PDB file of N, CA and C in Angstrom:
ATOM      1  N   MET A   1    -138.805 -15.552 -14.135  1.00  0.00           N
ATOM      2  CA  MET A   1    -139.066 -15.791 -15.547  1.00  0.00           C
ATOM      3  C   MET A   1    -140.561 -16.026 -15.788  1.00  0.00           C
ATOM      4  N   LYS A   2    -141.172 -16.832 -14.927  1.00  0.00           N
ATOM      5  CA  LYS A   2    -142.589 -17.134 -15.073  1.00  0.00           C
ATOM      6  C   LYS A   2    -143.442 -15.871 -14.944  1.00  0.00           C
ATOM      7  N   ILE A   3    -143.063 -14.983 -14.020  1.00  0.00           N
ATOM      8  CA  ILE A   3    -143.810 -13.743 -13.824  1.00  0.00           C
ATOM      9  C   ILE A   3    -143.670 -12.843 -15.043  1.00  0.00           C
ATOM     10  N   SER A   4    -142.501 -12.797 -15.638  1.00  0.00           N
ATOM     11  CA  SER A   4    -142.285 -11.957 -16.824  1.00  0.00           C
ATOM     12  C   SER A   4    -143.165 -12.403 -17.983  1.00  0.00           C
ATOM     13  N   ILE A   5    -143.277 -13.689 -18.193  1.00  0.00           N
ATOM     14  CA  ILE A   5    -144.107 -14.209 -19.279  1.00  0.00           C
ATOM     15  C   ILE A   5    -145.573 -13.898 -19.009  1.00  0.00           C
ATOM     16  N   MET A   6    -145.996 -14.088 -17.768  1.00  0.00           N
ATOM     17  CA  MET A   6    -147.390 -13.800 -17.422  1.00  0.00           C
ATOM     18  C   MET A   6    -147.684 -12.313 -17.581  1.00  0.00           C
ATOM     19  N   ALA A   7    -146.750 -11.459 -17.191  1.00  0.00           N
ATOM     20  CA  ALA A   7    -146.941 -10.020 -17.337  1.00  0.00           C
ATOM     21  C   ALA A   7    -147.034  -9.647 -18.810  1.00  0.00           C
ATOM     22  N   LEU A   8    -146.209 -10.257 -19.637  1.00  0.00           N
ATOM     23  CA  LEU A   8    -146.228 -10.000 -21.075  1.00  0.00           C
ATOM     24  C   LEU A   8    -147.564 -10.418 -21.684  1.00  0.00           C
ATOM     25  N   ILE A   9    -148.078 -11.554 -21.272  1.00  0.00           N
ATOM     26  CA  ILE A   9    -149.364 -12.031 -21.767  1.00  0.00           C
ATOM     27  C   ILE A   9    -150.483 -11.080 -21.345  1.00  0.00           C
ATOM     28  N   ALA A  10    -150.447 -10.628 -20.095  1.00  0.00           N
ATOM     29  CA  ALA A  10    -151.474  -9.711 -19.606  1.00  0.00           C
ATOM     30  C   ALA A  10    -151.451  -8.401 -20.386  1.00  0.00           C
ATOM     31  N   VAL A  11    -150.280  -7.868 -20.652  1.00  0.00           N
ATOM     32  CA  VAL A  11    -150.162  -6.623 -21.406  1.00  0.00           C
ATOM     33  C   VAL A  11    -150.694  -6.820 -22.827  1.00  0.00           C
ATOM     34  N   ALA A  12    -150.356  -7.944 -23.439  1.00  0.00           N
ATOM     35  CA  ALA A  12    -150.826  -8.215 -24.800  1.00  0.00           C
ATOM     36  C   ALA A  12    -152.349  -8.319 -24.844  1.00  0.00           C
ATOM     37  N   MET A  13    -152.938  -8.955 -23.849  1.00  0.00           N
ATOM     38  CA  MET A  13    -154.394  -9.087 -23.813  1.00  0.00           C
ATOM     39  C   MET A  13    -155.073  -7.735 -23.628  1.00  0.00           C
ATOM     40  N   LEU A  14    -154.527  -6.895 -22.773  1.00  0.00           N
ATOM     41  CA  LEU A  14    -155.102  -5.578 -22.559  1.00  0.00           C
ATOM     42  C   LEU A  14    -154.967  -4.701 -23.792  1.00  0.00           C
ATOM     43  N   ALA A  15    -153.868  -4.826 -24.483  1.00  0.00           N
ATOM     44  CA  ALA A  15    -153.652  -4.016 -25.681  1.00  0.00           C
ATOM     45  C   ALA A  15    -154.554  -4.448 -26.822  1.00  0.00           C
ATOM     46  N   SER A  16    -154.904  -5.711 -26.893  1.00  0.00           N
ATOM     47  CA  SER A  16    -155.724  -6.197 -28.008  1.00  0.00           C
ATOM     48  C   SER A  16    -157.214  -5.958 -27.797  1.00  0.00           C
ATOM     49  N   ALA A  17    -157.658  -5.697 -26.598  1.00  0.00           N
ATOM     50  CA  ALA A  17    -159.086  -5.498 -26.332  1.00  0.00           C
ATOM     51  C   ALA A  17    -159.687  -4.352 -27.136  1.00  0.00           C
ATOM     52  N   PRO A  18    -159.060  -3.161 -27.166  1.00  0.00           N
ATOM     53  CA  PRO A  18    -159.662  -2.087 -27.971  1.00  0.00           C
ATOM     54  C   PRO A  18    -159.710  -2.414 -29.455  1.00  0.00           C
ATOM     55  N   MET A  19    -158.718  -3.129 -29.971  1.00  0.00           N
ATOM     56  CA  MET A  19    -158.737  -3.495 -31.382  1.00  0.00           C
ATOM     57  C   MET A  19    -159.889  -4.448 -31.674  1.00  0.00           C
ATOM     58  N   ALA A  20    -160.152  -5.368 -30.774  1.00  0.00           N
ATOM     59  CA  ALA A  20    -161.266  -6.300 -30.968  1.00  0.00           C
ATOM     60  C   ALA A  20    -162.587  -5.544 -30.939  1.00  0.00           C
ATOM     61  N   TRP A  21    -162.738  -4.570 -30.050  1.00  0.00           N
ATOM     62  CA  TRP A  21    -163.965  -3.791 -29.963  1.00  0.00           C
ATOM     63  C   TRP A  21    -164.190  -2.990 -31.242  1.00  0.00           C
ATOM     64  N   ALA A  22    -163.096  -2.502 -31.839  1.00  0.00           N
ATOM     65  CA  ALA A  22    -163.231  -1.708 -33.061  1.00  0.00           C
ATOM     66  C   ALA A  22    -163.910  -2.513 -34.166  1.00  0.00           C
ATOM     67  N   GLN A  23    -163.678  -3.812 -34.221  1.00  0.00           N
ATOM     68  CA  GLN A  23    -164.288  -4.651 -35.238  1.00  0.00           C
ATOM     69  C   GLN A  23    -165.644  -5.197 -34.800  1.00  0.00           C
ATOM     70  N   ARG A  24    -165.998  -5.070 -33.538  1.00  0.00           N
ATOM     71  CA  ARG A  24    -167.264  -5.608 -33.050  1.00  0.00           C
ATOM     72  C   ARG A  24    -168.033  -4.568 -32.265  1.00  0.00           C
ATOM     73  N   GLY A  25    -168.093  -3.375 -32.754  1.00  0.00           N
ATOM     74  CA  GLY A  25    -168.868  -2.326 -32.111  1.00  0.00           C
ATOM     75  C   GLY A  25    -170.355  -2.546 -32.354  1.00  0.00           C
ATOM     76  N   PRO A  26    -171.182  -1.619 -31.904  1.00  0.00           N
ATOM     77  CA  PRO A  26    -172.626  -1.785 -32.030  1.00  0.00           C
ATOM     78  C   PRO A  26    -173.105  -1.902 -33.477  1.00  0.00           C
ATOM     79  N   VAL A  27    -172.495  -1.174 -34.391  1.00  0.00           N
ATOM     80  CA  VAL A  27    -172.916  -1.263 -35.792  1.00  0.00           C
ATOM     81  C   VAL A  27    -172.526  -2.619 -36.366  1.00  0.00           C
ATOM     82  N   ALA A  28    -171.301  -3.051 -36.118  1.00  0.00           N
ATOM     83  CA  ALA A  28    -170.857  -4.352 -36.632  1.00  0.00           C
ATOM     84  C   ALA A  28    -171.722  -5.477 -36.086  1.00  0.00           C
ATOM     85  N   ALA A  29    -172.098  -5.384 -34.826  1.00  0.00           N
ATOM     86  CA  ALA A  29    -172.920  -6.429 -34.219  1.00  0.00           C
ATOM     87  C   ALA A  29    -174.340  -6.427 -34.783  1.00  0.00           C
ATOM     88  N   ALA A  30    -174.948  -5.252 -34.898  1.00  0.00           N
ATOM     89  CA  ALA A  30    -176.335  -5.160 -35.356  1.00  0.00           C
ATOM     90  C   ALA A  30    -176.472  -5.356 -36.862  1.00  0.00           C
ATOM     91  N   CYS A  31    -175.389  -5.119 -37.589  1.00  0.00           N
ATOM     92  CA  CYS A  31    -175.470  -5.119 -39.056  1.00  0.00           C
ATOM     93  C   CYS A  31    -174.723  -6.272 -39.712  1.00  0.00           C
ATOM     94  N   ALA A  32    -174.365  -7.288 -38.962  1.00  0.00           N
ATOM     95  CA  ALA A  32    -173.540  -8.371 -39.515  1.00  0.00           C
ATOM     96  C   ALA A  32    -174.121  -8.961 -40.795  1.00  0.00           C
ATOM     97  N   SER A  33    -175.399  -9.289 -40.799  1.00  0.00           N
ATOM     98  CA  SER A  33    -175.977  -9.898 -42.002  1.00  0.00           C
ATOM     99  C   SER A  33    -176.109  -8.875 -43.136  1.00  0.00           C
ATOM    100  N   ASP A  34    -176.365  -7.618 -42.790  1.00  0.00           N
ATOM    101  CA  ASP A  34    -176.455  -6.578 -43.813  1.00  0.00           C
ATOM    102  C   ASP A  34    -175.084  -6.281 -44.419  1.00  0.00           C
ATOM    103  N   ILE A  35    -174.047  -6.331 -43.600  1.00  0.00           N
ATOM    104  CA  ILE A  35    -172.679  -6.151 -44.110  1.00  0.00           C
ATOM    105  C   ILE A  35    -172.369  -7.258 -45.099  1.00  0.00           C
ATOM    106  N   GLU A  36    -172.731  -8.476 -44.738  1.00  0.00           N
ATOM    107  CA  GLU A  36    -172.493  -9.622 -45.616  1.00  0.00           C
ATOM    108  C   GLU A  36    -173.270  -9.473 -46.936  1.00  0.00           C
ATOM    109  N   HIS A  37    -174.477  -8.987 -46.847  1.00  0.00           N
ATOM    110  CA  HIS A  37    -175.331  -8.881 -48.030  1.00  0.00           C
ATOM    111  C   HIS A  37    -174.978  -7.694 -48.922  1.00  0.00           C
ATOM    112  N   TYR A  38    -174.833  -6.509 -48.340  1.00  0.00           N
ATOM    113  CA  TYR A  38    -174.651  -5.289 -49.127  1.00  0.00           C
ATOM    114  C   TYR A  38    -173.197  -4.851 -49.297  1.00  0.00           C
ATOM    115  N   CYS A  39    -172.331  -5.226 -48.357  1.00  0.00           N
ATOM    116  CA  CYS A  39    -170.980  -4.648 -48.325  1.00  0.00           C
ATOM    117  C   CYS A  39    -169.883  -5.706 -48.325  1.00  0.00           C
ATOM    118  N   LYS A  40    -170.206  -6.901 -48.748  1.00  0.00           N
ATOM    119  CA  LYS A  40    -169.250  -8.002 -48.727  1.00  0.00           C
ATOM    120  C   LYS A  40    -167.977  -7.632 -49.494  1.00  0.00           C
ATOM    121  N   GLY A  41    -166.851  -7.910 -48.883  1.00  0.00           N
ATOM    122  CA  GLY A  41    -165.565  -7.680 -49.523  1.00  0.00           C
ATOM    123  C   GLY A  41    -164.977  -6.302 -49.293  1.00  0.00           C
ATOM    124  N   LEU A  42    -165.755  -5.385 -48.732  1.00  0.00           N
ATOM    125  CA  LEU A  42    -165.208  -4.059 -48.467  1.00  0.00           C
ATOM    126  C   LEU A  42    -164.293  -4.110 -47.251  1.00  0.00           C
ATOM    127  N   PRO A  43    -163.209  -3.333 -47.262  1.00  0.00           N
ATOM    128  CA  PRO A  43    -162.292  -3.326 -46.111  1.00  0.00           C
ATOM    129  C   PRO A  43    -162.929  -2.609 -44.923  1.00  0.00           C
ATOM    130  N   HIS A  44    -162.561  -3.054 -43.735  1.00  0.00           N
ATOM    131  CA  HIS A  44    -163.057  -2.424 -42.513  1.00  0.00           C
ATOM    132  C   HIS A  44    -162.122  -1.291 -42.100  1.00  0.00           C
ATOM    133  N   VAL A  45    -161.729  -0.484 -43.063  1.00  0.00           N
ATOM    134  CA  VAL A  45    -160.877   0.687 -42.804  1.00  0.00           C
ATOM    135  C   VAL A  45    -161.459   1.867 -43.567  1.00  0.00           C
ATOM    136  N   ASN A  46    -161.088   3.061 -43.155  1.00  0.00           N
ATOM    137  CA  ASN A  46    -161.517   4.281 -43.830  1.00  0.00           C
ATOM    138  C   ASN A  46    -163.034   4.389 -43.979  1.00  0.00           C
ATOM    139  N   ARG A  47    -163.759   3.786 -43.059  1.00  0.00           N
ATOM    140  CA  ARG A  47    -165.214   3.892 -42.996  1.00  0.00           C
ATOM    141  C   ARG A  47    -165.931   3.355 -44.230  1.00  0.00           C
ATOM    142  N   ALA A  48    -165.278   2.505 -45.005  1.00  0.00           N
ATOM    143  CA  ALA A  48    -165.872   1.976 -46.235  1.00  0.00           C
ATOM    144  C   ALA A  48    -167.156   1.202 -45.946  1.00  0.00           C
ATOM    145  N   VAL A  49    -167.151   0.352 -44.928  1.00  0.00           N
ATOM    146  CA  VAL A  49    -168.340  -0.442 -44.608  1.00  0.00           C
ATOM    147  C   VAL A  49    -169.446   0.465 -44.085  1.00  0.00           C
ATOM    148  N   ARG A  50    -169.087   1.408 -43.235  1.00  0.00           N
ATOM    149  CA  ARG A  50    -170.096   2.329 -42.692  1.00  0.00           C
ATOM    150  C   ARG A  50    -170.760   3.110 -43.829  1.00  0.00           C
ATOM    151  N   GLN A  51    -169.970   3.619 -44.748  1.00  0.00           N
ATOM    152  CA  GLN A  51    -170.528   4.377 -45.861  1.00  0.00           C
ATOM    153  C   GLN A  51    -171.420   3.495 -46.737  1.00  0.00           C
ATOM    154  N   CYS A  52    -171.029   2.250 -46.924  1.00  0.00           N
ATOM    155  CA  CYS A  52    -171.848   1.311 -47.683  1.00  0.00           C
ATOM    156  C   CYS A  52    -173.192   1.096 -46.987  1.00  0.00           C
ATOM    157  N   LEU A  53    -173.154   0.901 -45.671  1.00  0.00           N
ATOM    158  CA  LEU A  53    -174.396   0.709 -44.920  1.00  0.00           C
ATOM    159  C   LEU A  53    -175.274   1.960 -44.988  1.00  0.00           C
ATOM    160  N   GLU A  54    -174.652   3.129 -44.894  1.00  0.00           N
ATOM    161  CA  GLU A  54    -175.412   4.376 -44.988  1.00  0.00           C
ATOM    162  C   GLU A  54    -176.096   4.491 -46.350  1.00  0.00           C
ATOM    163  N   LYS A  55    -175.419   4.098 -47.411  1.00  0.00           N
ATOM    164  CA  LYS A  55    -176.004   4.154 -48.755  1.00  0.00           C
ATOM    165  C   LYS A  55    -177.182   3.202 -48.895  1.00  0.00           C
ATOM    166  N   ASN A  56    -177.152   2.119 -48.114  1.00  0.00           N
ATOM    167  CA  ASN A  56    -178.213   1.106 -48.180  1.00  0.00           C
ATOM    168  C   ASN A  56    -179.138   1.170 -46.971  1.00  0.00           C
ATOM    169  N   LYS A  57    -179.147   2.292 -46.277  1.00  0.00           N
ATOM    170  CA  LYS A  57    -179.899   2.413 -45.025  1.00  0.00           C
ATOM    171  C   LYS A  57    -181.378   2.071 -45.178  1.00  0.00           C
ATOM    172  N   ASP A  58    -181.964   2.384 -46.303  1.00  0.00           N
ATOM    173  CA  ASP A  58    -183.394   2.091 -46.501  1.00  0.00           C
ATOM    174  C   ASP A  58    -183.668   0.601 -46.643  1.00  0.00           C
ATOM    175  N   ASN A  59    -182.628  -0.192 -46.920  1.00  0.00           N
ATOM    176  CA  ASN A  59    -182.810  -1.628 -47.151  1.00  0.00           C
ATOM    177  C   ASN A  59    -182.337  -2.514 -46.008  1.00  0.00           C
ATOM    178  N   VAL A  60    -181.567  -1.960 -45.072  1.00  0.00           N
ATOM    179  CA  VAL A  60    -181.007  -2.789 -44.000  1.00  0.00           C
ATOM    180  C   VAL A  60    -182.059  -3.085 -42.937  1.00  0.00           C
ATOM    181  N   ALA A  61    -181.761  -4.046 -42.088  1.00  0.00           N
ATOM    182  CA  ALA A  61    -182.670  -4.424 -41.000  1.00  0.00           C
ATOM    183  C   ALA A  61    -182.878  -3.246 -40.051  1.00  0.00           C
ATOM    184  N   ALA A  62    -184.002  -3.247 -39.370  1.00  0.00           N
ATOM    185  CA  ALA A  62    -184.344  -2.163 -38.452  1.00  0.00           C
ATOM    186  C   ALA A  62    -183.290  -1.982 -37.362  1.00  0.00           C
ATOM    187  N   ALA A  63    -182.768  -3.079 -36.822  1.00  0.00           N
ATOM    188  CA  ALA A  63    -181.752  -2.987 -35.767  1.00  0.00           C
ATOM    189  C   ALA A  63    -180.472  -2.346 -36.298  1.00  0.00           C
ATOM    190  N   CYS A  64    -180.113  -2.666 -37.516  1.00  0.00           N
ATOM    191  CA  CYS A  64    -178.937  -2.077 -38.150  1.00  0.00           C
ATOM    192  C   CYS A  64    -179.149  -0.580 -38.363  1.00  0.00           C
ATOM    193  N   ARG A  65    -180.299  -0.217 -38.887  1.00  0.00           N
ATOM    194  CA  ARG A  65    -180.624   1.188 -39.117  1.00  0.00           C
ATOM    195  C   ARG A  65    -180.562   1.975 -37.814  1.00  0.00           C
ATOM    196  N   GLN A  66    -181.106   1.400 -36.749  1.00  0.00           N
ATOM    197  CA  GLN A  66    -181.104   2.072 -35.444  1.00  0.00           C
ATOM    198  C   GLN A  66    -179.669   2.237 -34.939  1.00  0.00           C
ATOM    199  N   ALA A  67    -178.825   1.237 -35.129  1.00  0.00           N
ATOM    200  CA  ALA A  67    -177.420   1.333 -34.707  1.00  0.00           C
ATOM    201  C   ALA A  67    -176.696   2.416 -35.495  1.00  0.00           C
ATOM    202  N   LEU A  68    -176.969   2.510 -36.781  1.00  0.00           N
ATOM    203  CA  LEU A  68    -176.350   3.549 -37.608  1.00  0.00           C
ATOM    204  C   LEU A  68    -176.788   4.935 -37.156  1.00  0.00           C
ATOM    205  N   GLU A  69    -178.057   5.067 -36.840  1.00  0.00           N
ATOM    206  CA  GLU A  69    -178.597   6.374 -36.460  1.00  0.00           C
ATOM    207  C   GLU A  69    -178.188   6.808 -35.064  1.00  0.00           C
ATOM    208  N   SER A  70    -177.841   5.867 -34.207  1.00  0.00           N
ATOM    209  CA  SER A  70    -177.553   6.215 -32.819  1.00  0.00           C
ATOM    210  C   SER A  70    -176.074   6.218 -32.464  1.00  0.00           C
ATOM    211  N   THR A  71    -175.209   5.935 -33.418  1.00  0.00           N
ATOM    212  CA  THR A  71    -173.784   5.893 -33.104  1.00  0.00           C
ATOM    213  C   THR A  71    -172.978   6.799 -34.011  1.00  0.00           C
ATOM    214  N   GLY A  72    -171.896   7.295 -33.473  1.00  0.00           N
ATOM    215  CA  GLY A  72    -170.863   8.023 -34.195  1.00  0.00           C
ATOM    216  C   GLY A  72    -171.328   8.860 -35.357  1.00  0.00           C
ATOM    217  N   GLY A  73    -170.659   8.689 -36.477  1.00  0.00           N
ATOM    218  CA  GLY A  73    -170.914   9.476 -37.670  1.00  0.00           C
ATOM    219  C   GLY A  73    -172.242   9.187 -38.311  1.00  0.00           C
ATOM    220  N   GLY A  74    -172.996   8.213 -37.827  1.00  0.00           N
ATOM    221  CA  GLY A  74    -174.282   7.888 -38.413  1.00  0.00           C
ATOM    222  C   GLY A  74    -175.290   8.999 -38.246  1.00  0.00           C
ATOM    223  N   ARG A  75    -175.073   9.857 -37.249  1.00  0.00           N
ATOM    224  CA  ARG A  75    -175.991  10.972 -37.028  1.00  0.00           C
ATOM    225  C   ARG A  75    -175.682  12.066 -38.036  1.00  0.00           C
ATOM    226  N   GLY A  76    -176.619  12.371 -38.863  1.00  0.00           N
ATOM    227  CA  GLY A  76    -176.465  13.474 -39.803  1.00  0.00           C
ATOM    228  C   GLY A  76    -175.724  13.113 -41.076  1.00  0.00           C
ATOM    229  N   CYS A  77    -175.637  11.847 -41.432  1.00  0.00           N
ATOM    230  CA  CYS A  77    -174.937  11.461 -42.661  1.00  0.00           C
ATOM    231  C   CYS A  77    -175.774  11.847 -43.873  1.00  0.00           C
ATOM    232  N   ALA A  78    -175.089  12.379 -44.839  1.00  0.00           N
ATOM    233  CA  ALA A  78    -175.755  12.732 -46.094  1.00  0.00           C
ATOM    234  C   ALA A  78    -175.904  11.495 -46.956  1.00  0.00           C
ATOM    235  N   ALA A  79    -176.793  11.542 -47.909  1.00  0.00           N
ATOM    236  CA  ALA A  79    -177.036  10.399 -48.784  1.00  0.00           C
ATOM    237  C   ALA A  79    -175.789  10.003 -49.562  1.00  0.00           C
ATOM    238  N   GLY A  80    -174.919  10.953 -49.850  1.00  0.00           N
ATOM    239  CA  GLY A  80    -173.700  10.668 -50.608  1.00  0.00           C
ATOM    240  C   GLY A  80    -172.586  10.078 -49.784  1.00  0.00           C
ATOM    241  N   GLY A  81    -172.830   9.773 -48.526  1.00  0.00           N
ATOM    242  CA  GLY A  81    -171.805   9.160 -47.689  1.00  0.00           C
ATOM    243  C   GLY A  81    -170.987  10.146 -46.888  1.00  0.00           C
ATOM    244  N   GLY A  82    -171.305  11.445 -46.981  1.00  0.00           N
ATOM    245  CA  GLY A  82    -170.566  12.439 -46.212  1.00  0.00           C
ATOM    246  C   GLY A  82    -171.092  12.498 -44.804  1.00  0.00           C
ATOM    247  N   CYS A  83    -170.377  11.924 -43.864  1.00  0.00           N
ATOM    248  CA  CYS A  83    -170.855  11.840 -42.489  1.00  0.00           C
ATOM    249  C   CYS A  83    -170.141  12.859 -41.608  1.00  0.00           C
ATOM    250  N   GLY A  84    -170.899  13.496 -40.742  1.00  0.00           N
ATOM    251  CA  GLY A  84    -170.317  14.415 -39.779  1.00  0.00           C
ATOM    252  C   GLY A  84    -170.420  13.809 -38.401  1.00  0.00           C
ATOM    253  N   GLY A  85    -170.126  14.586 -37.414  1.00  0.00           N
ATOM    254  CA  GLY A  85    -170.239  14.122 -36.037  1.00  0.00           C
ATOM    255  C   GLY A  85    -169.020  13.373 -35.580  1.00  0.00           C
ATOM    256  N   ALA A  86    -169.153  12.706 -34.459  1.00  0.00           N
ATOM    257  CA  ALA A  86    -168.037  11.994 -33.839  1.00  0.00           C
ATOM    258  C   ALA A  86    -167.594  10.822 -34.698  1.00  0.00           C
ATOM    259  N   ARG A  87    -166.313  10.527 -34.645  1.00  0.00           N
ATOM    260  CA  ARG A  87    -165.766   9.413 -35.385  1.00  0.00           C
ATOM    261  C   ARG A  87    -165.916   8.155 -34.544  1.00  0.00           C
ATOM    262  N   GLN A  88    -166.342   7.080 -35.161  1.00  0.00           N
ATOM    263  CA  GLN A  88    -166.455   5.810 -34.450  1.00  0.00           C
ATOM    264  C   GLN A  88    -166.099   4.702 -35.396  1.00  0.00           C
ATOM    265  N   SER A  89    -165.449   3.708 -34.853  1.00  0.00           N
ATOM    266  CA  SER A  89    -165.091   2.561 -35.673  1.00  0.00           C
ATOM    267  C   SER A  89    -166.318   1.800 -36.094  1.00  0.00           C
ATOM    268  N   GLN A  90    -166.151   1.085 -37.182  1.00  0.00           N
ATOM    269  CA  GLN A  90    -167.270   0.303 -37.688  1.00  0.00           C
ATOM    270  C   GLN A  90    -167.372  -0.912 -36.884  1.00  0.00           C
TER     271      GLN A  90
END
């Protein structure tokens, strides 16, 4: 019984790791204060926060701008929020 519970806990921890990373990727880490300032209240789904940051790219901190430019859909994003390239969580 004890082994079953421990195995269940281990599986749950492994399954939750990718979900935690999705909310704390490089953009989320570098842009935390900019998200709070420019994109407060936006859902972290459907790239809403990423698109908000892209629209405010000229105003965000240098580290945030660099994270946007070097990750996922941030490469080649149009001013209107139309991003191409690889998909990456915010």
